[in-house]
Protein backbone atom coordinates (compact mmCIF):
# COMPACT_ATOMS: atom_id res chain seq x y z
CA MET A 1 -0.24 -0.05 0.34
CA GLY A 2 2.94 2.18 0.27
CA ASN A 3 3.81 4.92 2.82
CA LEU A 4 0.90 6.76 4.83
CA ASN A 5 1.53 10.21 3.45
CA ARG A 6 1.52 8.88 -0.54
CA SER A 7 -0.91 6.24 -0.35
CA PRO A 8 -4.05 7.20 -2.61
CA SER A 9 -5.84 4.37 -0.98
CA LEU A 10 -5.76 5.54 2.27
CA ALA A 11 -6.08 9.32 1.11
CA ARG A 12 -9.47 8.52 -0.52
CA ALA A 13 -10.33 6.41 3.11
CA GLY A 14 -9.34 9.78 5.35
CA SER A 15 -5.81 9.40 5.89
CA ALA A 16 -5.32 12.75 7.19
CA PRO A 17 -5.86 12.09 10.98
CA LEU A 18 -3.37 9.33 10.82
CA THR A 19 -0.83 11.82 8.99
CA ALA A 20 -1.39 14.31 11.70
CA GLY A 21 -1.06 11.61 14.48
CA LEU A 22 2.18 10.89 12.90
CA ALA A 23 3.09 14.30 13.02
CA LEU A 24 3.03 15.12 16.33
CA GLY A 25 5.98 14.92 17.25
CA GLY A 26 6.44 11.79 15.49
CA ARG A 27 5.89 9.91 18.39
CA LEU A 28 4.27 7.08 16.83
CA LYS A 29 6.69 6.90 13.95
CA GLU A 30 9.65 6.94 16.33
CA ILE A 31 7.91 3.65 18.20
CA ALA A 32 7.59 2.16 15.06
CA LEU A 33 11.29 2.79 13.85
CA LEU A 34 12.39 1.80 17.38
CA PHE A 35 10.54 -2.24 16.87
CA ARG A 36 12.14 -2.24 13.15
CA ASP A 37 15.58 -1.63 14.81
CA GLN A 38 14.94 -4.36 17.19
CA GLY A 39 13.77 -7.00 14.22
CA ARG A 40 10.00 -6.54 15.49
CA ARG A 41 7.19 -5.68 13.47
CA LEU A 42 4.62 -3.22 14.65
CA TYR A 43 0.89 -2.42 13.18
CA LEU A 44 -1.66 -0.10 13.98
CA VAL A 45 -4.68 -2.39 14.64
CA GLY A 46 -8.53 -2.15 15.89
CA GLY A 47 -10.80 1.41 16.35
CA ALA A 48 -8.17 3.51 14.86
CA VAL A 49 -7.82 2.01 12.14
CA ARG A 50 -11.69 1.80 11.42
CA ASP A 51 -11.87 5.69 12.64
CA ILE A 52 -8.92 6.61 9.96
CA PHE A 53 -10.93 4.71 7.23
CA ARG A 54 -13.70 6.63 8.42
CA GLY A 55 -11.96 9.93 8.19
CA GLN A 56 -12.55 10.10 12.10
CA SER A 57 -9.41 11.04 14.44
CA PRO A 58 -8.73 7.91 16.60
CA LYS A 59 -9.06 8.46 19.95
CA ASP A 60 -6.99 5.59 21.12
CA TRP A 61 -3.46 4.34 19.43
CA ASP A 62 -3.94 0.22 19.67
CA LEU A 63 -0.76 -1.53 18.66
CA ALA A 64 0.21 -4.79 17.79
CA THR A 65 3.54 -6.56 17.40
CA ASP A 66 5.44 -10.06 17.41
CA ALA A 67 7.60 -8.59 20.50
CA LEU A 68 6.90 -10.53 23.69
CA PRO A 69 5.42 -8.71 26.42
CA ALA A 70 8.61 -9.19 28.54
CA GLU A 71 10.63 -7.96 25.83
CA ILE A 72 9.13 -4.46 25.04
CA PRO A 73 9.82 -3.08 28.50
CA GLU A 74 13.79 -3.53 27.35
CA MET A 75 13.49 -1.82 24.03
CA PHE A 76 12.93 1.57 25.60
CA ARG A 77 14.95 1.06 28.72
CA GLY A 78 17.44 3.73 28.64
CA LEU A 79 16.23 5.97 26.07
CA LYS A 80 16.53 10.20 26.48
CA VAL A 81 13.21 10.60 25.77
CA ARG A 82 10.37 10.02 28.47
CA ALA A 83 8.83 6.12 28.26
CA LYS A 84 7.73 3.87 31.23
CA VAL A 85 5.94 0.42 29.98
CA ILE A 86 3.39 -0.60 32.18
CA PRO A 87 2.10 -4.21 31.99
CA THR A 88 -1.82 -3.51 32.17
CA GLY A 89 -2.95 -7.07 30.90
CA ILE A 90 -0.13 -9.38 30.79
CA LYS A 91 -1.89 -12.49 31.14
CA HIS A 92 -2.99 -11.40 27.78
CA GLY A 93 -0.02 -10.44 26.59
CA THR A 94 -0.72 -6.29 26.92
CA VAL A 95 1.47 -3.49 27.91
CA THR A 96 1.04 -0.12 28.36
CA LEU A 97 3.64 2.33 26.67
CA HIS A 98 3.66 6.12 28.13
CA TYR A 99 5.73 7.70 25.48
CA ARG A 100 6.48 11.31 25.25
CA GLY A 101 3.06 12.06 26.79
CA GLY A 102 1.11 9.80 24.54
CA GLU A 103 -0.35 6.44 25.48
CA TYR A 104 -0.61 3.45 23.30
CA GLU A 105 -1.75 -0.05 24.30
CA ILE A 106 0.54 -2.80 22.62
CA THR A 107 -0.18 -6.49 22.51
CA THR A 108 1.47 -9.35 21.20
CA PHE A 109 0.13 -11.34 18.35
CA ARG A 110 -2.18 -13.99 20.15
CA SER A 111 -4.82 -16.66 19.55
CA GLU A 112 -6.88 -17.80 22.03
CA SER A 113 -8.37 -20.86 23.58
CA ALA A 114 -11.94 -21.25 24.51
CA TYR A 115 -14.33 -18.91 26.07
CA LEU A 116 -15.57 -21.05 28.96
CA ASP A 117 -16.98 -17.58 30.84
CA GLY A 118 -18.66 -16.07 27.82
CA ARG A 119 -16.47 -13.11 28.10
CA HIS A 120 -12.27 -14.30 28.27
CA PRO A 121 -10.44 -16.64 26.71
CA GLU A 122 -9.17 -19.27 29.22
CA SER A 123 -5.65 -18.67 27.73
CA VAL A 124 -4.02 -17.08 25.24
CA ARG A 125 -1.39 -18.35 22.80
CA PHE A 126 1.33 -16.12 21.17
CA THR A 127 1.79 -16.11 17.30
CA LYS A 128 3.75 -14.59 15.01
CA SER A 129 1.20 -13.46 12.11
CA ILE A 130 -0.73 -10.86 12.23
CA GLU A 131 -3.91 -12.33 10.51
CA GLU A 132 -4.00 -15.20 12.93
CA ASP A 133 -4.03 -12.04 15.63
CA LEU A 134 -6.59 -10.85 13.06
CA SER A 135 -9.09 -13.66 13.03
CA ARG A 136 -9.81 -13.67 16.88
CA ARG A 137 -11.15 -9.80 16.41
CA ASP A 138 -14.76 -9.53 16.26
CA PHE A 139 -16.02 -7.59 13.55
CA THR A 140 -14.49 -7.13 10.54
CA MET A 141 -14.37 -3.23 10.69
CA ASN A 142 -11.76 -3.54 13.71
CA SER A 143 -10.20 -6.64 12.04
CA ILE A 144 -7.85 -4.55 9.81
CA ALA A 145 -4.45 -3.47 10.25
CA LEU A 146 -1.12 -0.93 8.98
CA SER A 147 1.75 -1.85 9.45
CA LEU A 148 3.96 1.05 10.94
CA PRO A 149 6.08 2.82 9.84
CA GLY A 150 5.24 2.03 6.32
CA GLY A 151 1.33 1.80 6.25
CA GLU A 152 0.96 -1.52 4.17
CA LEU A 153 -2.63 -2.33 4.76
CA VAL A 154 -3.76 -5.98 6.12
CA ASP A 155 -7.20 -6.79 5.10
CA PRO A 156 -7.65 -10.36 5.30
CA TYR A 157 -11.84 -10.26 6.29
CA GLY A 158 -12.84 -7.74 3.87
CA GLY A 159 -13.14 -5.18 6.42
CA LEU A 160 -12.84 -1.83 4.21
CA GLU A 161 -15.22 -2.84 1.93
CA ASP A 162 -17.30 -2.95 5.10
CA ILE A 163 -16.81 0.46 6.17
CA LYS A 164 -17.41 1.38 2.75
CA LYS A 165 -20.83 0.26 2.99
CA ASN A 166 -21.63 1.36 6.86
CA LEU A 167 -21.87 -2.43 7.33
CA ILE A 168 -21.43 -4.47 10.33
CA ARG A 169 -20.26 -8.21 10.40
CA CYS A 170 -18.58 -10.69 12.43
CA VAL A 171 -15.06 -11.86 11.81
CA GLY A 172 -16.12 -15.72 10.15
CA ASN A 173 -19.42 -17.38 11.52
CA PRO A 174 -21.14 -14.91 14.15
CA LEU A 175 -22.23 -17.89 15.92
CA ASP A 176 -18.29 -18.28 16.98
CA ARG A 177 -17.78 -14.98 17.61
CA PHE A 178 -20.59 -14.46 20.00
CA GLY A 179 -20.49 -17.62 21.38
CA GLU A 180 -17.09 -16.48 22.64
CA ASP A 181 -18.07 -13.15 24.31
CA GLY A 182 -21.63 -12.46 25.31
CA LEU A 183 -20.81 -8.48 25.41
CA ARG A 184 -20.28 -8.65 21.13
CA PRO A 185 -24.02 -8.69 20.32
CA LEU A 186 -24.24 -5.61 22.55
CA ARG A 187 -21.27 -4.09 20.91
CA ALA A 188 -22.54 -4.63 17.66
CA LEU A 189 -25.73 -2.55 18.16
CA ARG A 190 -23.48 0.29 20.19
CA PHE A 191 -21.44 0.56 17.06
CA ALA A 192 -24.83 0.48 14.52
CA ALA A 193 -25.65 3.72 16.85
CA GLN A 194 -22.88 5.48 17.17
CA LEU A 195 -21.56 5.20 13.64
CA GLY A 196 -25.05 4.94 11.68
CA TYR A 197 -24.13 1.31 10.47
CA GLN A 198 -26.60 -1.41 9.63
CA VAL A 199 -26.04 -5.12 11.24
CA GLU A 200 -25.15 -7.81 8.50
CA SER A 201 -28.26 -10.09 8.51
CA ALA A 202 -26.69 -13.03 8.93
CA THR A 203 -24.75 -10.79 12.35
CA LEU A 204 -27.90 -9.50 13.57
CA GLU A 205 -29.88 -13.54 13.10
CA ALA A 206 -26.83 -14.95 15.82
CA VAL A 207 -27.72 -12.18 18.39
CA ARG A 208 -31.21 -14.33 19.74
CA PRO A 209 -29.51 -17.59 20.05
CA SER A 210 -26.43 -15.96 22.17
CA LEU A 211 -28.47 -14.73 24.61
CA ALA A 212 -27.72 -17.46 27.12
CA VAL A 213 -23.99 -16.06 26.88
CA THR A 214 -24.87 -12.76 26.62
CA ALA A 215 -26.65 -13.19 30.60
CA LYS A 216 -23.43 -14.09 31.47
CA VAL A 217 -21.31 -10.61 31.27
CA SER A 218 -21.09 -8.49 34.30
CA LYS A 219 -23.84 -5.63 35.00
CA GLU A 220 -20.96 -3.24 34.77
CA ARG A 221 -19.93 -4.38 31.28
CA VAL A 222 -23.75 -3.69 29.86
CA ARG A 223 -23.80 -0.78 31.57
CA ASP A 224 -20.91 0.71 30.10
CA GLU A 225 -21.87 -0.40 26.64
CA LEU A 226 -25.90 0.87 27.60
CA ASP A 227 -24.38 4.07 28.14
CA LYS A 228 -22.19 4.42 24.92
CA ILE A 229 -25.44 3.70 23.31
CA ILE A 230 -27.71 6.59 24.96
CA ALA A 231 -24.93 8.96 24.48
CA SER A 232 -24.79 8.31 20.71
CA ARG A 233 -26.73 10.35 18.24
CA ARG A 234 -29.86 8.40 17.79
CA PRO A 235 -29.47 5.56 20.62
CA SER A 236 -33.19 4.01 18.79
CA LEU A 237 -30.67 2.52 15.77
CA ALA A 238 -29.28 0.29 18.68
CA PHE A 239 -32.63 -0.29 20.51
CA ARG A 240 -35.30 -1.45 18.05
CA PRO A 241 -33.00 -4.56 17.23
CA MET A 242 -32.06 -4.82 20.79
CA GLU A 243 -35.68 -5.05 20.99
CA GLU A 244 -36.23 -7.93 17.84
CA THR A 245 -33.55 -9.62 18.90
CA GLY A 246 -34.52 -10.33 22.87
CA LEU A 247 -31.41 -8.45 23.89
CA LEU A 248 -34.05 -5.30 25.05
CA GLU A 249 -36.07 -7.95 27.14
CA LEU A 250 -33.12 -10.03 28.38
CA LEU A 251 -31.07 -6.51 29.73
CA ALA A 252 -33.68 -3.88 30.57
CA PRO A 253 -37.34 -6.13 30.65
CA GLU A 254 -38.97 -2.88 32.34
CA LEU A 255 -38.13 -0.98 29.01
CA SER A 256 -39.38 -3.98 27.10
CA ALA A 257 -42.43 -4.68 28.74
CA CYS A 258 -43.59 -0.67 27.45
CA ARG A 259 -44.35 -2.34 23.60
CA GLY A 260 -47.85 -2.55 22.81
CA ILE A 261 -49.22 -0.18 25.99
CA GLU A 262 -51.54 2.60 23.84
CA GLN A 263 -51.72 5.88 25.23
CA LYS A 264 -54.50 8.60 25.05
CA GLY A 265 -54.49 12.38 23.89
CA TYR A 266 -52.06 14.06 21.94
CA HIS A 267 -49.92 10.56 22.06
CA ARG A 268 -49.46 9.19 18.43
CA PHE A 269 -46.98 5.69 19.09
CA ASP A 270 -47.34 3.13 22.06
CA VAL A 271 -45.04 3.82 25.59
CA LEU A 272 -42.16 2.35 24.24
CA ASP A 273 -41.77 3.86 20.72
CA HIS A 274 -42.66 7.29 22.90
CA SER A 275 -39.86 6.31 25.03
CA LEU A 276 -37.39 5.94 22.56
CA LEU A 277 -37.88 9.34 20.63
CA ALA A 278 -37.70 10.88 23.55
CA CYS A 279 -34.71 9.91 23.81
CA ASP A 280 -33.32 10.42 20.60
CA TYR A 281 -34.61 13.98 20.80
CA ALA A 282 -32.84 14.28 24.00
CA ALA A 283 -29.55 12.74 22.25
CA GLU A 284 -29.58 15.20 18.62
CA LYS A 285 -30.02 18.33 21.43
CA GLY A 286 -26.83 17.62 23.32
CA TYR A 287 -28.65 16.98 26.26
CA PRO A 288 -26.95 15.43 29.59
CA GLN A 289 -26.82 11.56 30.03
CA GLU A 290 -29.08 12.27 33.17
CA VAL A 291 -31.98 13.74 30.90
CA ARG A 292 -31.12 11.05 28.24
CA LEU A 293 -31.51 8.29 30.51
CA ALA A 294 -34.77 10.10 32.46
CA ALA A 295 -36.27 10.41 28.89
CA LEU A 296 -35.91 6.63 27.73
CA LEU A 297 -36.61 5.25 31.46
CA HIS A 298 -39.54 8.53 32.60
CA ASP A 299 -42.77 6.21 31.89
CA ILE A 300 -41.44 2.76 32.20
CA GLY A 301 -44.12 2.48 34.71
CA LYS A 302 -46.94 3.04 32.72
CA PRO A 303 -47.82 -0.94 31.89
CA GLU A 304 -47.58 -1.51 35.67
CA VAL A 305 -50.34 1.03 36.75
CA ARG A 306 -52.76 1.54 33.71
CA GLN A 307 -56.39 1.00 33.79
CA LYS A 308 -59.16 1.81 31.83
CA ASP A 309 -61.69 4.74 33.14
CA GLU A 310 -65.23 4.80 32.75
CA GLN A 311 -65.29 6.00 29.14
CA GLY A 312 -62.98 2.77 28.17
CA ILE A 313 -59.54 4.92 28.31
CA TRP A 314 -56.75 3.97 29.21
CA THR A 315 -55.02 5.72 32.35
CA PHE A 316 -51.72 5.88 33.61
CA TYR A 317 -52.43 7.55 37.29
CA GLN A 318 -49.17 8.50 39.27
CA HIS A 319 -47.34 6.63 36.78
CA GLU A 320 -44.02 8.99 37.87
CA LYS A 321 -43.78 7.65 40.74
CA HIS A 322 -44.30 3.56 39.93
CA SER A 323 -41.64 4.74 36.78
CA ALA A 324 -38.88 6.63 39.51
CA ARG A 325 -38.98 3.63 41.47
CA MET A 326 -38.53 1.06 38.73
CA ALA A 327 -35.71 3.24 37.13
CA ARG A 328 -33.99 2.83 40.31
CA ASP A 329 -34.32 -0.73 40.29
CA LEU A 330 -32.91 -0.67 36.56
CA MET A 331 -30.09 1.29 37.27
CA THR A 332 -28.93 -0.22 40.33
CA ARG A 333 -29.25 -4.00 38.54
CA LEU A 334 -26.68 -1.98 35.83
CA ARG A 335 -24.37 -0.94 38.61
CA TYR A 336 -24.93 2.57 38.15
CA PRO A 337 -23.41 5.10 40.42
CA ASN A 338 -25.26 6.07 43.22
CA ALA A 339 -25.54 10.38 42.25
CA GLN A 340 -26.79 9.57 38.95
CA ILE A 341 -29.27 6.92 39.88
CA GLU A 342 -30.69 10.18 42.14
CA LYS A 343 -30.53 12.72 39.61
CA VAL A 344 -32.24 10.23 36.87
CA CYS A 345 -35.24 9.45 39.65
CA ARG A 346 -35.46 13.04 40.74
CA LEU A 347 -36.40 14.06 37.25
CA ILE A 348 -38.44 11.00 36.20
CA GLY A 349 -40.48 11.46 39.32
CA CYS A 350 -41.15 15.39 38.89
CA HIS A 351 -41.66 14.94 34.85
CA MET A 352 -45.68 15.13 35.45
CA PHE A 353 -46.26 18.82 35.82
CA HIS A 354 -49.22 21.10 34.85
CA TYR A 355 -48.29 24.28 34.56
CA ASP A 356 -50.93 27.11 33.58
CA ASP A 357 -51.68 30.92 34.48
CA SER A 358 -53.17 30.41 38.10
CA TRP A 359 -50.27 28.91 39.58
CA SER A 360 -50.02 31.27 42.73
CA ALA A 361 -46.08 32.48 43.14
CA GLY A 362 -46.21 30.00 46.17
CA ALA A 363 -47.23 27.17 43.64
CA VAL A 364 -44.47 28.06 41.75
CA ARG A 365 -41.96 28.13 44.69
CA ARG A 366 -42.96 24.73 45.55
CA PHE A 367 -42.57 23.80 41.91
CA ILE A 368 -38.68 25.00 42.31
CA ILE A 369 -38.22 23.53 46.10
CA ARG A 370 -39.76 19.77 44.44
CA VAL A 371 -37.60 19.65 41.40
CA GLY A 372 -34.63 21.12 42.61
CA GLU A 373 -33.37 24.37 41.47
CA GLU A 374 -30.39 22.28 40.25
CA ASN A 375 -32.11 20.26 38.51
CA LEU A 376 -34.44 23.30 36.87
CA GLU A 377 -32.98 23.05 33.49
CA ASP A 378 -33.03 19.12 33.14
CA ILE A 379 -36.88 19.03 33.82
CA TYR A 380 -37.05 21.59 31.19
CA ARG A 381 -35.14 19.35 28.55
CA LEU A 382 -37.09 16.46 29.82
CA ARG A 383 -40.83 18.10 29.44
CA ARG A 384 -39.65 18.76 25.53
CA ALA A 385 -38.38 15.73 24.99
CA ASP A 386 -41.09 13.85 26.55
CA THR A 387 -43.50 16.69 24.18
CA TYR A 388 -41.70 15.45 20.88
CA GLY A 389 -42.03 12.09 21.80
CA MET A 390 -45.74 12.56 21.82
CA ALA A 391 -46.21 13.06 18.14
CA GLY A 392 -42.64 12.64 16.42
CA LYS A 393 -42.08 16.75 16.40
CA GLU A 394 -41.62 19.65 18.76
CA GLY A 395 -45.32 20.83 20.16
CA ALA A 396 -46.07 24.06 21.47
CA ALA A 397 -44.01 25.18 24.27
CA GLU A 398 -45.94 28.59 25.71
CA ASP A 399 -46.84 27.18 28.55
CA LEU A 400 -43.11 25.90 29.80
CA VAL A 401 -42.11 29.50 28.43
CA ASN A 402 -44.48 31.00 30.90
CA LEU A 403 -43.29 28.63 33.87
CA ILE A 404 -39.82 29.34 33.33
CA SER A 405 -40.55 33.20 33.45
CA ARG A 406 -42.27 32.67 36.45
CA VAL A 407 -39.08 30.25 37.54
CA ASP A 408 -37.08 33.16 37.06
CA LYS A 409 -38.84 35.82 38.53
CA ALA A 410 -39.14 33.82 41.70
CA LEU A 411 -35.61 33.09 41.87
CA ALA A 412 -35.02 36.45 41.52
CA GLU A 413 -37.14 37.41 44.54
CA SER A 414 -35.92 35.30 46.87
CA ARG A 415 -33.90 32.17 47.48
CA ALA A 416 -35.68 30.86 50.57
CA LEU A 417 -36.36 27.33 49.33
CA SER A 418 -34.56 25.08 52.12
CA LEU A 419 -34.57 25.12 55.96
CA LYS A 420 -31.09 26.55 55.86
CA ASP A 421 -32.47 29.31 53.77
CA LEU A 422 -34.67 30.56 56.77
CA ALA A 423 -33.41 33.41 59.09
CA ILE A 424 -33.45 31.30 61.62
CA SER A 425 -32.22 28.12 62.82
CA GLY A 426 -32.76 25.23 65.80
CA SER A 427 -30.60 26.92 67.75
CA ASP A 428 -32.40 30.32 67.60
CA LEU A 429 -35.96 28.29 68.55
CA ILE A 430 -33.59 26.57 71.40
CA GLU A 431 -33.25 29.94 72.33
CA ALA A 432 -36.53 31.15 72.46
CA GLY A 433 -37.56 27.74 75.13
CA ILE A 434 -38.40 25.43 72.24
CA LYS A 435 -37.60 21.86 72.69
CA PRO A 436 -35.33 20.09 70.30
CA GLY A 437 -36.76 16.77 68.84
CA ARG A 438 -39.98 15.85 66.32
CA HIS A 439 -41.87 18.91 67.52
CA MET A 440 -39.17 21.61 66.80
CA GLY A 441 -38.86 19.74 63.19
CA ILE A 442 -43.04 20.27 62.64
CA ILE A 443 -42.43 24.01 63.33
CA LEU A 444 -39.58 24.73 60.77
CA LYS A 445 -41.31 22.97 58.51
CA GLU A 446 -44.37 25.60 59.13
CA LEU A 447 -41.95 28.34 59.40
CA LEU A 448 -40.12 27.19 55.30
CA GLU A 449 -43.88 26.85 54.51
CA THR A 450 -44.96 30.26 55.53
CA VAL A 451 -41.97 31.57 53.79
CA VAL A 452 -42.07 30.15 50.75
CA ASP A 453 -46.35 31.61 50.25
CA ASP A 454 -44.47 35.25 51.86
CA PRO A 455 -40.81 35.30 51.19
CA ALA A 456 -41.33 38.60 53.03
CA SER A 457 -41.80 36.90 55.95
CA ASN A 458 -38.18 35.44 56.21
CA THR A 459 -36.74 37.89 59.43
CA ARG A 460 -36.24 36.60 62.38
CA GLU A 461 -38.75 38.49 64.22
CA THR A 462 -41.31 36.94 62.15
CA LEU A 463 -40.49 33.91 62.20
CA LEU A 464 -39.57 33.84 65.73
CA ASN A 465 -43.19 35.18 66.70
CA ILE A 466 -44.95 32.54 64.08
CA ALA A 467 -42.62 29.67 66.04
CA LEU A 468 -44.10 30.53 69.32
CA LYS A 469 -47.35 30.67 68.30
CA PHE A 470 -46.68 27.02 67.04
CA ASN A 471 -45.04 26.32 70.29
CA GLY A 472 -48.50 27.41 72.51
CA LYS A 473 -47.14 31.22 73.16
CA TYR A 474 -48.38 34.22 71.80
CA GLN A 475 -45.69 37.37 71.44
CA ILE A 476 -42.16 37.23 72.61
CA HIS A 477 -40.46 40.14 74.59
CA PRO A 478 -37.40 41.11 72.78
């Protein structure tokens, strides 16, 4: 294929990112020349090569070599530049090289034994062939190598052609690949959402027979893939084939159960399609991950609570509470961080608000307290996504615009929205003769309610008088 900087094939496929990478202080080229001078071969492999041929800048630099893991540290010993080799995956032949500010994962050519746990090979065998190393990889688009420093193409499985076709296809028999590693089916659909590619039919058909292997994968690894799907530009490109293949029912049965749950009013879609549209909208708008998760899960409680009213119309009373509880169970099961769970469930639990101009100033402040000032922008975003999911188009936003204006005005007038914002504290009440305990807690809550309705009452003297009245007294003497 020739030198990377001169190759017409690479230029057509998008070689500029790699050329830039080589020019960045020449780090990658320096490493390649060092291996060559030691009589060793070095190849750029994996996602970096795929990204290059897609015209994208690689995010990670994965390298493959015929050098044994124990030999690699010796190559960099005594150099006058900053270099450190860390045995990050020495059992499987992988070391991480930190070289002049760059990080490179280097793995010895290998073949693998059986995957008895559905995720990891029982053992690996080092080989001298890059072709044999590529044969163990998951998809053809990830099974391309470029020799370094020359840039010759090694593509035994037609990965470059599949990239041109926007196609995700397993290397060899997809049942074998998915039987080795149960995460691969989910990775295939994640790539579909991230890249906008189609999954080749035989590869997609192999997902359902492999579900028992996928079920063995750790919840943390499943969560990581789901997070990448939700972070993609169009998550439904993964979730729809997940439903078709049974992956959705396996990994998120609460969401799968939303299929066929018809809705009323302005809703054109069942609960699952509505939720996927809402999630796609949140992704398209670049909303934070918590908003995307909330958009996806905000209605999963509807199948559990739906009932028909006297007119035969389906109702979903208090579905937001059930949805928040079920989202908490799902996210906990998938080992999401507690802070993220709390944020998503808060948004879901608060998403059913019905603002109109009859709301009093106190009602607006209670809305702020219920949602949390730090969550206001995200609850607005969730409402926009929810509205979009009703009909697949943006709806009228006048009520939301008016609510936002009222909220901004309320915040400008007063930020006394919690007990810590009151002009008095529990210590002040004790000093005034009120005994600590449950009774004091009730009094403090009543004081907050007073201030929410009338921010002007948030003065020490006024609140002490009110507190003493609640405590059975009628006045205080300064």
